[in-house]
């Protein structure tokens, strides 16, 4: 992230795709993808022809879960940083 060029405040400039609303939208979309992957795993386990292919929805679940966790950690760090700045002022 870049710093604001004004020497007085030095606030971090957050791009639009890393804003709070965009991160929350990403988490919401990834929850739907995660649920879709879990459904795929359940269907693959019930259908004998697809048991050997259950790794595909499993990989999708792991990847979407990773995006959910990383985006959640990013938001938690950002809000903790804001709270810390507010307490200092």
PDB file of N, CA and C in Angstrom:
ATOM      1  N   UNK A   1       0.830  -1.167   0.000  1.00  0.00           N
ATOM      2  CA  UNK A   1       0.000   0.000   0.000  1.00  0.00           C
ATOM      3  C   UNK A   1       0.883   1.242   0.000  1.00  0.00           C
ATOM      4  N   UNK A   2       0.450   2.239  -0.706  1.00  0.00           N
ATOM      5  CA  UNK A   2       1.216   3.473  -0.805  1.00  0.00           C
ATOM      6  C   UNK A   2       0.841   4.428   0.319  1.00  0.00           C
ATOM      7  N   UNK A   3       1.782   5.322   0.626  1.00  0.00           N
ATOM      8  CA  UNK A   3       1.515   6.351   1.620  1.00  0.00           C
ATOM      9  C   UNK A   3       1.041   7.612   0.924  1.00  0.00           C
ATOM     10  N   UNK A   4       0.220   8.356   1.617  1.00  0.00           N
ATOM     11  CA  UNK A   4      -0.250   9.639   1.117  1.00  0.00           C
ATOM     12  C   UNK A   4       0.949  10.591   1.022  1.00  0.00           C
ATOM     13  N   UNK A   5       1.102  11.315  -0.093  1.00  0.00           N
ATOM     14  CA  UNK A   5       2.302  12.141  -0.252  1.00  0.00           C
ATOM     15  C   UNK A   5       2.354  13.365   0.650  1.00  0.00           C
ATOM     16  N   UNK A   6       1.253  13.747   1.289  1.00  0.00           N
ATOM     17  CA  UNK A   6       1.309  14.903   2.171  1.00  0.00           C
ATOM     18  C   UNK A   6       2.095  14.540   3.421  1.00  0.00           C
ATOM     19  N   UNK A   7       3.086  15.348   3.787  1.00  0.00           N
ATOM     20  CA  UNK A   7       3.945  14.974   4.917  1.00  0.00           C
ATOM     21  C   UNK A   7       3.273  15.128   6.279  1.00  0.00           C
ATOM     22  N   UNK A   8       2.110  15.778   6.336  1.00  0.00           N
ATOM     23  CA  UNK A   8       1.482  16.042   7.617  1.00  0.00           C
ATOM     24  C   UNK A   8       0.751  14.820   8.189  1.00  0.00           C
ATOM     25  N   UNK A   9       0.053  14.090   7.335  1.00  0.00           N
ATOM     26  CA  UNK A   9      -0.799  13.014   7.853  1.00  0.00           C
ATOM     27  C   UNK A   9      -0.247  11.611   7.603  1.00  0.00           C
ATOM     28  N   UNK A  10       0.307  11.350   6.465  1.00  0.00           N
ATOM     29  CA  UNK A  10       0.877  10.037   6.112  1.00  0.00           C
ATOM     30  C   UNK A  10      -0.120   8.895   6.307  1.00  0.00           C
ATOM     31  N   UNK A  11      -1.307   9.050   5.770  1.00  0.00           N
ATOM     32  CA  UNK A  11      -2.309   7.991   5.838  1.00  0.00           C
ATOM     33  C   UNK A  11      -2.060   6.991   4.713  1.00  0.00           C
ATOM     34  N   UNK A  12      -2.360   5.733   4.970  1.00  0.00           N
ATOM     35  CA  UNK A  12      -2.198   4.687   3.976  1.00  0.00           C
ATOM     36  C   UNK A  12      -3.333   4.780   2.965  1.00  0.00           C
ATOM     37  N   UNK A  13      -2.992   4.785   1.674  1.00  0.00           N
ATOM     38  CA  UNK A  13      -3.996   4.827   0.609  1.00  0.00           C
ATOM     39  C   UNK A  13      -4.395   3.392   0.288  1.00  0.00           C
ATOM     40  N   UNK A  14      -5.662   3.081   0.458  1.00  0.00           N
ATOM     41  CA  UNK A  14      -6.166   1.730   0.194  1.00  0.00           C
ATOM     42  C   UNK A  14      -6.852   1.736  -1.166  1.00  0.00           C
ATOM     43  N   UNK A  15      -6.432   0.868  -2.098  1.00  0.00           N
ATOM     44  CA  UNK A  15      -7.102   0.815  -3.404  1.00  0.00           C
ATOM     45  C   UNK A  15      -8.547   0.322  -3.266  1.00  0.00           C
ATOM     46  N   UNK A  16      -9.370   0.613  -4.277  1.00  0.00           N
ATOM     47  CA  UNK A  16     -10.800   0.284  -4.188  1.00  0.00           C
ATOM     48  C   UNK A  16     -11.033  -1.210  -4.038  1.00  0.00           C
ATOM     49  N   UNK A  17     -10.198  -2.045  -4.668  1.00  0.00           N
ATOM     50  CA  UNK A  17     -10.417  -3.492  -4.602  1.00  0.00           C
ATOM     51  C   UNK A  17      -9.984  -4.066  -3.262  1.00  0.00           C
ATOM     52  N   UNK A  18      -9.386  -3.254  -2.406  1.00  0.00           N
ATOM     53  CA  UNK A  18      -8.976  -3.689  -1.081  1.00  0.00           C
ATOM     54  C   UNK A  18      -9.760  -2.938  -0.001  1.00  0.00           C
ATOM     55  N   UNK A  19     -10.866  -2.323  -0.404  1.00  0.00           N
ATOM     56  CA  UNK A  19     -11.685  -1.596   0.564  1.00  0.00           C
ATOM     57  C   UNK A  19     -12.485  -2.575   1.412  1.00  0.00           C
ATOM     58  N   UNK A  20     -13.073  -2.061   2.457  1.00  0.00           N
ATOM     59  CA  UNK A  20     -13.852  -2.923   3.351  1.00  0.00           C
ATOM     60  C   UNK A  20     -15.035  -3.570   2.663  1.00  0.00           C
ATOM     61  N   UNK A  21     -15.739  -2.789   1.845  1.00  0.00           N
ATOM     62  CA  UNK A  21     -16.912  -3.337   1.144  1.00  0.00           C
ATOM     63  C   UNK A  21     -16.511  -4.399   0.125  1.00  0.00           C
ATOM     64  N   UNK A  22     -15.416  -4.165  -0.582  1.00  0.00           N
ATOM     65  CA  UNK A  22     -14.960  -5.152  -1.564  1.00  0.00           C
ATOM     66  C   UNK A  22     -14.508  -6.435  -0.872  1.00  0.00           C
ATOM     67  N   UNK A  23     -13.849  -6.304   0.268  1.00  0.00           N
ATOM     68  CA  UNK A  23     -13.427  -7.501   1.011  1.00  0.00           C
ATOM     69  C   UNK A  23     -14.633  -8.274   1.544  1.00  0.00           C
ATOM     70  N   UNK A  24     -15.630  -7.566   2.045  1.00  0.00           N
ATOM     71  CA  UNK A  24     -16.834  -8.246   2.520  1.00  0.00           C
ATOM     72  C   UNK A  24     -17.590  -8.928   1.382  1.00  0.00           C
ATOM     73  N   UNK A  25     -17.623  -8.294   0.207  1.00  0.00           N
ATOM     74  CA  UNK A  25     -18.261  -8.916  -0.960  1.00  0.00           C
ATOM     75  C   UNK A  25     -17.486 -10.160  -1.382  1.00  0.00           C
ATOM     76  N   UNK A  26     -16.168 -10.103  -1.313  1.00  0.00           N
ATOM     77  CA  UNK A  26     -15.344 -11.265  -1.650  1.00  0.00           C
ATOM     78  C   UNK A  26     -15.609 -12.413  -0.683  1.00  0.00           C
ATOM     79  N   UNK A  27     -15.688 -12.100   0.600  1.00  0.00           N
ATOM     80  CA  UNK A  27     -15.962 -13.140   1.601  1.00  0.00           C
ATOM     81  C   UNK A  27     -17.341 -13.756   1.359  1.00  0.00           C
ATOM     82  N   UNK A  28     -18.343 -12.914   1.082  1.00  0.00           N
ATOM     83  CA  UNK A  28     -19.700 -13.434   0.840  1.00  0.00           C
ATOM     84  C   UNK A  28     -19.721 -14.345  -0.379  1.00  0.00           C
ATOM     85  N   UNK A  29     -19.062 -13.944  -1.457  1.00  0.00           N
ATOM     86  CA  UNK A  29     -19.027 -14.774  -2.656  1.00  0.00           C
ATOM     87  C   UNK A  29     -18.285 -16.085  -2.389  1.00  0.00           C
ATOM     88  N   UNK A  30     -17.196 -16.024  -1.647  1.00  0.00           N
ATOM     89  CA  UNK A  30     -16.423 -17.233  -1.363  1.00  0.00           C
ATOM     90  C   UNK A  30     -17.167 -18.189  -0.434  1.00  0.00           C
ATOM     91  N   UNK A  31     -18.051 -17.663   0.407  1.00  0.00           N
ATOM     92  CA  UNK A  31     -18.878 -18.554   1.240  1.00  0.00           C
ATOM     93  C   UNK A  31     -19.802 -19.375   0.346  1.00  0.00           C
ATOM     94  N   UNK A  32     -20.389 -18.734  -0.676  1.00  0.00           N
ATOM     95  CA  UNK A  32     -21.234 -19.477  -1.619  1.00  0.00           C
ATOM     96  C   UNK A  32     -20.418 -20.514  -2.396  1.00  0.00           C
ATOM     97  N   UNK A  33     -19.208 -20.159  -2.799  1.00  0.00           N
ATOM     98  CA  UNK A  33     -18.341 -21.109  -3.500  1.00  0.00           C
ATOM     99  C   UNK A  33     -17.978 -22.265  -2.571  1.00  0.00           C
ATOM    100  N   UNK A  34     -17.704 -21.965  -1.308  1.00  0.00           N
ATOM    101  CA  UNK A  34     -17.368 -23.007  -0.343  1.00  0.00           C
ATOM    102  C   UNK A  34     -18.537 -23.970  -0.149  1.00  0.00           C
ATOM    103  N   UNK A  35     -19.744 -23.422  -0.010  1.00  0.00           N
ATOM    104  CA  UNK A  35     -20.928 -24.281   0.136  1.00  0.00           C
ATOM    105  C   UNK A  35     -21.171 -25.119  -1.114  1.00  0.00           C
ATOM    106  N   UNK A  36     -20.925 -24.546  -2.289  1.00  0.00           N
ATOM    107  CA  UNK A  36     -21.039 -25.283  -3.546  1.00  0.00           C
ATOM    108  C   UNK A  36     -20.038 -26.439  -3.573  1.00  0.00           C
ATOM    109  N   UNK A  37     -18.830 -26.192  -3.102  1.00  0.00           N
ATOM    110  CA  UNK A  37     -17.806 -27.242  -3.080  1.00  0.00           C
ATOM    111  C   UNK A  37     -18.166 -28.350  -2.096  1.00  0.00           C
ATOM    112  N   UNK A  38     -18.693 -27.982  -0.948  1.00  0.00           N
ATOM    113  CA  UNK A  38     -19.104 -28.996   0.028  1.00  0.00           C
ATOM    114  C   UNK A  38     -20.228 -29.854  -0.550  1.00  0.00           C
ATOM    115  N   UNK A  39     -21.157 -29.221  -1.247  1.00  0.00           N
ATOM    116  CA  UNK A  39     -22.227 -29.974  -1.911  1.00  0.00           C
ATOM    117  C   UNK A  39     -21.641 -30.924  -2.945  1.00  0.00           C
ATOM    118  N   UNK A  40     -20.637 -30.465  -3.681  1.00  0.00           N
ATOM    119  CA  UNK A  40     -19.975 -31.316  -4.667  1.00  0.00           C
ATOM    120  C   UNK A  40     -19.291 -32.508  -4.028  1.00  0.00           C
ATOM    121  N   UNK A  41     -18.681 -32.304  -2.888  1.00  0.00           N
ATOM    122  CA  UNK A  41     -18.033 -33.414  -2.178  1.00  0.00           C
ATOM    123  C   UNK A  41     -19.074 -34.432  -1.733  1.00  0.00           C
ATOM    124  N   UNK A  42     -20.178 -33.950  -1.195  1.00  0.00           N
ATOM    125  CA  UNK A  42     -21.234 -34.865  -0.738  1.00  0.00           C
ATOM    126  C   UNK A  42     -21.823 -35.663  -1.896  1.00  0.00           C
ATOM    127  N   UNK A  43     -22.046 -35.021  -3.029  1.00  0.00           N
ATOM    128  CA  UNK A  43     -22.585 -35.716  -4.199  1.00  0.00           C
ATOM    129  C   UNK A  43     -21.573 -36.723  -4.724  1.00  0.00           C
ATOM    130  N   UNK A  44     -20.296 -36.337  -4.753  1.00  0.00           N
ATOM    131  CA  UNK A  44     -19.262 -37.251  -5.245  1.00  0.00           C
ATOM    132  C   UNK A  44     -19.124 -38.473  -4.348  1.00  0.00           C
ATOM    133  N   UNK A  45     -19.313 -38.297  -3.046  1.00  0.00           N
ATOM    134  CA  UNK A  45     -19.211 -39.436  -2.134  1.00  0.00           C
ATOM    135  C   UNK A  45     -20.406 -40.377  -2.260  1.00  0.00           C
ATOM    136  N   UNK A  46     -21.563 -39.837  -2.630  1.00  0.00           N
ATOM    137  CA  UNK A  46     -22.763 -40.672  -2.755  1.00  0.00           C
ATOM    138  C   UNK A  46     -22.832 -41.411  -4.090  1.00  0.00           C
ATOM    139  N   UNK A  47     -22.189 -40.887  -5.114  1.00  0.00           N
ATOM    140  CA  UNK A  47     -22.246 -41.491  -6.439  1.00  0.00           C
ATOM    141  C   UNK A  47     -20.968 -42.301  -6.667  1.00  0.00           C
ATOM    142  N   UNK A  48     -21.079 -43.605  -6.832  1.00  0.00           N
ATOM    143  CA  UNK A  48     -19.883 -44.456  -6.963  1.00  0.00           C
ATOM    144  C   UNK A  48     -18.987 -44.088  -8.155  1.00  0.00           C
ATOM    145  N   UNK A  49     -19.573 -43.597  -9.245  1.00  0.00           N
ATOM    146  CA  UNK A  49     -18.760 -43.263 -10.412  1.00  0.00           C
ATOM    147  C   UNK A  49     -17.891 -42.032 -10.190  1.00  0.00           C
ATOM    148  N   UNK A  50     -18.270 -41.193  -9.224  1.00  0.00           N
ATOM    149  CA  UNK A  50     -17.578 -39.920  -9.023  1.00  0.00           C
ATOM    150  C   UNK A  50     -16.673 -39.890  -7.794  1.00  0.00           C
ATOM    151  N   UNK A  51     -16.569 -40.996  -7.070  1.00  0.00           N
ATOM    152  CA  UNK A  51     -15.766 -41.005  -5.843  1.00  0.00           C
ATOM    153  C   UNK A  51     -14.313 -40.636  -6.128  1.00  0.00           C
ATOM    154  N   UNK A  52     -13.778 -41.113  -7.238  1.00  0.00           N
ATOM    155  CA  UNK A  52     -12.366 -40.809  -7.537  1.00  0.00           C
ATOM    156  C   UNK A  52     -12.152 -39.360  -7.947  1.00  0.00           C
ATOM    157  N   UNK A  53     -13.223 -38.631  -8.209  1.00  0.00           N
ATOM    158  CA  UNK A  53     -13.103 -37.223  -8.618  1.00  0.00           C
ATOM    159  C   UNK A  53     -13.496 -36.242  -7.522  1.00  0.00           C
ATOM    160  N   UNK A  54     -13.619 -36.717  -6.291  1.00  0.00           N
ATOM    161  CA  UNK A  54     -14.019 -35.810  -5.215  1.00  0.00           C
ATOM    162  C   UNK A  54     -12.902 -34.842  -4.829  1.00  0.00           C
ATOM    163  N   UNK A  55     -11.715 -35.034  -5.373  1.00  0.00           N
ATOM    164  CA  UNK A  55     -10.623 -34.107  -5.099  1.00  0.00           C
ATOM    165  C   UNK A  55     -10.874 -32.731  -5.747  1.00  0.00           C
ATOM    166  N   UNK A  56     -11.656 -32.702  -6.820  1.00  0.00           N
ATOM    167  CA  UNK A  56     -11.912 -31.423  -7.497  1.00  0.00           C
ATOM    168  C   UNK A  56     -12.726 -30.481  -6.597  1.00  0.00           C
ATOM    169  N   UNK A  57     -13.889 -30.906  -6.083  1.00  0.00           N
ATOM    170  CA  UNK A  57     -14.583 -29.999  -5.155  1.00  0.00           C
ATOM    171  C   UNK A  57     -13.827 -29.821  -3.844  1.00  0.00           C
ATOM    172  N   UNK A  58     -13.036 -30.806  -3.459  1.00  0.00           N
ATOM    173  CA  UNK A  58     -12.219 -30.661  -2.254  1.00  0.00           C
ATOM    174  C   UNK A  58     -11.184 -29.553  -2.404  1.00  0.00           C
ATOM    175  N   UNK A  59     -10.541 -29.517  -3.561  1.00  0.00           N
ATOM    176  CA  UNK A  59      -9.575 -28.457  -3.843  1.00  0.00           C
ATOM    177  C   UNK A  59     -10.259 -27.100  -3.896  1.00  0.00           C
ATOM    178  N   UNK A  60     -11.444 -27.062  -4.489  1.00  0.00           N
ATOM    179  CA  UNK A  60     -12.213 -25.819  -4.543  1.00  0.00           C
ATOM    180  C   UNK A  60     -12.581 -25.338  -3.143  1.00  0.00           C
ATOM    181  N   UNK A  61     -12.942 -26.265  -2.266  1.00  0.00           N
ATOM    182  CA  UNK A  61     -13.287 -25.898  -0.885  1.00  0.00           C
ATOM    183  C   UNK A  61     -12.067 -25.367  -0.145  1.00  0.00           C
ATOM    184  N   UNK A  62     -10.926 -26.010  -0.316  1.00  0.00           N
ATOM    185  CA  UNK A  62      -9.706 -25.561   0.351  1.00  0.00           C
ATOM    186  C   UNK A  62      -9.289 -24.178  -0.145  1.00  0.00           C
ATOM    187  N   UNK A  63      -9.358 -23.974  -1.450  1.00  0.00           N
ATOM    188  CA  UNK A  63      -8.951 -22.685  -2.008  1.00  0.00           C
ATOM    189  C   UNK A  63      -9.902 -21.560  -1.589  1.00  0.00           C
ATOM    190  N   UNK A  64     -11.205 -21.806  -1.631  1.00  0.00           N
ATOM    191  CA  UNK A  64     -12.147 -20.766  -1.214  1.00  0.00           C
ATOM    192  C   UNK A  64     -12.033 -20.509   0.287  1.00  0.00           C
ATOM    193  N   UNK A  65     -11.792 -21.542   1.061  1.00  0.00           N
ATOM    194  CA  UNK A  65     -11.568 -21.352   2.496  1.00  0.00           C
ATOM    195  C   UNK A  65     -10.324 -20.516   2.766  1.00  0.00           C
ATOM    196  N   UNK A  66      -9.284 -20.726   1.978  1.00  0.00           N
ATOM    197  CA  UNK A  66      -8.069 -19.919   2.117  1.00  0.00           C
ATOM    198  C   UNK A  66      -8.313 -18.452   1.804  1.00  0.00           C
ATOM    199  N   UNK A  67      -9.106 -18.192   0.771  1.00  0.00           N
ATOM    200  CA  UNK A  67      -9.435 -16.802   0.437  1.00  0.00           C
ATOM    201  C   UNK A  67     -10.265 -16.172   1.548  1.00  0.00           C
ATOM    202  N   UNK A  68     -11.207 -16.930   2.087  1.00  0.00           N
ATOM    203  CA  UNK A  68     -12.030 -16.408   3.190  1.00  0.00           C
ATOM    204  C   UNK A  68     -11.150 -16.059   4.391  1.00  0.00           C
ATOM    205  N   UNK A  69     -10.242 -16.957   4.762  1.00  0.00           N
ATOM    206  CA  UNK A  69      -9.377 -16.711   5.916  1.00  0.00           C
ATOM    207  C   UNK A  69      -8.433 -15.538   5.684  1.00  0.00           C
ATOM    208  N   UNK A  70      -7.799 -15.491   4.527  1.00  0.00           N
ATOM    209  CA  UNK A  70      -6.845 -14.408   4.284  1.00  0.00           C
ATOM    210  C   UNK A  70      -7.535 -13.048   4.228  1.00  0.00           C
ATOM    211  N   UNK A  71      -8.706 -12.983   3.623  1.00  0.00           N
ATOM    212  CA  UNK A  71      -9.442 -11.720   3.559  1.00  0.00           C
ATOM    213  C   UNK A  71      -9.962 -11.328   4.940  1.00  0.00           C
ATOM    214  N   UNK A  72     -10.390 -12.304   5.722  1.00  0.00           N
ATOM    215  CA  UNK A  72     -10.850 -12.015   7.086  1.00  0.00           C
ATOM    216  C   UNK A  72      -9.706 -11.478   7.938  1.00  0.00           C
ATOM    217  N   UNK A  73      -8.523 -12.090   7.850  1.00  0.00           N
ATOM    218  CA  UNK A  73      -7.367 -11.607   8.593  1.00  0.00           C
ATOM    219  C   UNK A  73      -6.990 -10.189   8.172  1.00  0.00           C
ATOM    220  N   UNK A  74      -7.091  -9.911   6.878  1.00  0.00           N
ATOM    221  CA  UNK A  74      -6.784  -8.572   6.379  1.00  0.00           C
ATOM    222  C   UNK A  74      -7.742  -7.541   6.992  1.00  0.00           C
ATOM    223  N   UNK A  75      -9.042  -7.874   7.021  1.00  0.00           N
ATOM    224  CA  UNK A  75     -10.015  -6.954   7.606  1.00  0.00           C
ATOM    225  C   UNK A  75      -9.812  -6.782   9.112  1.00  0.00           C
ATOM    226  N   UNK A  76      -9.508  -7.865   9.802  1.00  0.00           N
ATOM    227  CA  UNK A  76      -9.275  -7.793  11.246  1.00  0.00           C
ATOM    228  C   UNK A  76      -8.073  -6.915  11.548  1.00  0.00           C
ATOM    229  N   UNK A  77      -6.985  -7.089  10.783  1.00  0.00           N
ATOM    230  CA  UNK A  77      -5.796  -6.255  10.983  1.00  0.00           C
ATOM    231  C   UNK A  77      -6.104  -4.788  10.717  1.00  0.00           C
ATOM    232  N   UNK A  78      -6.872  -4.520   9.671  1.00  0.00           N
ATOM    233  CA  UNK A  78      -7.197  -3.144   9.323  1.00  0.00           C
ATOM    234  C   UNK A  78      -8.041  -2.487  10.420  1.00  0.00           C
ATOM    235  N   UNK A  79      -9.050  -3.192  10.924  1.00  0.00           N
ATOM    236  CA  UNK A  79      -9.890  -2.627  11.971  1.00  0.00           C
ATOM    237  C   UNK A  79      -9.121  -2.470  13.282  1.00  0.00           C
ATOM    238  N   UNK A  80      -8.223  -3.398  13.583  1.00  0.00           N
ATOM    239  CA  UNK A  80      -7.391  -3.273  14.778  1.00  0.00           C
ATOM    240  C   UNK A  80      -6.469  -2.063  14.653  1.00  0.00           C
ATOM    241  N   UNK A  81      -5.931  -1.829  13.466  1.00  0.00           N
ATOM    242  CA  UNK A  81      -5.074  -0.670  13.235  1.00  0.00           C
ATOM    243  C   UNK A  81      -5.860   0.630  13.394  1.00  0.00           C
ATOM    244  N   UNK A  82      -7.099   0.640  12.894  1.00  0.00           N
ATOM    245  CA  UNK A  82      -7.937   1.839  13.046  1.00  0.00           C
ATOM    246  C   UNK A  82      -8.259   2.095  14.510  1.00  0.00           C
ATOM    247  N   UNK A  83      -8.570   1.036  15.267  1.00  0.00           N
ATOM    248  CA  UNK A  83      -8.867   1.201  16.686  1.00  0.00           C
ATOM    249  C   UNK A  83      -7.641   1.706  17.444  1.00  0.00           C
ATOM    250  N   UNK A  84      -6.469   1.226  17.079  1.00  0.00           N
ATOM    251  CA  UNK A  84      -5.244   1.660  17.717  1.00  0.00           C
ATOM    252  C   UNK A  84      -4.991   3.143  17.439  1.00  0.00           C
ATOM    253  N   UNK A  85      -5.229   3.575  16.199  1.00  0.00           N
ATOM    254  CA  UNK A  85      -5.045   4.986  15.858  1.00  0.00           C
ATOM    255  C   UNK A  85      -6.036   5.874  16.594  1.00  0.00           C
ATOM    256  N   UNK A  86      -7.285   5.402  16.732  1.00  0.00           N
ATOM    257  CA  UNK A  86      -8.303   6.183  17.428  1.00  0.00           C
ATOM    258  C   UNK A  86      -7.970   6.328  18.917  1.00  0.00           C
ATOM    259  N   UNK A  87      -7.404   5.298  19.520  1.00  0.00           N
ATOM    260  CA  UNK A  87      -7.050   5.364  20.928  1.00  0.00           C
ATOM    261  C   UNK A  87      -5.875   6.318  21.164  1.00  0.00           C
ATOM    262  N   UNK A  88      -4.971   6.391  20.195  1.00  0.00           N
ATOM    263  CA  UNK A  88      -3.828   7.287  20.327  1.00  0.00           C
ATOM    264  C   UNK A  88      -4.235   8.744  20.193  1.00  0.00           C
ATOM    265  N   UNK A  89      -5.291   9.008  19.467  1.00  0.00           N
ATOM    266  CA  UNK A  89      -5.728  10.400  19.256  1.00  0.00           C
ATOM    267  C   UNK A  89      -6.691  10.834  20.291  1.00  0.00           C
TER     268      UNK A  89
END
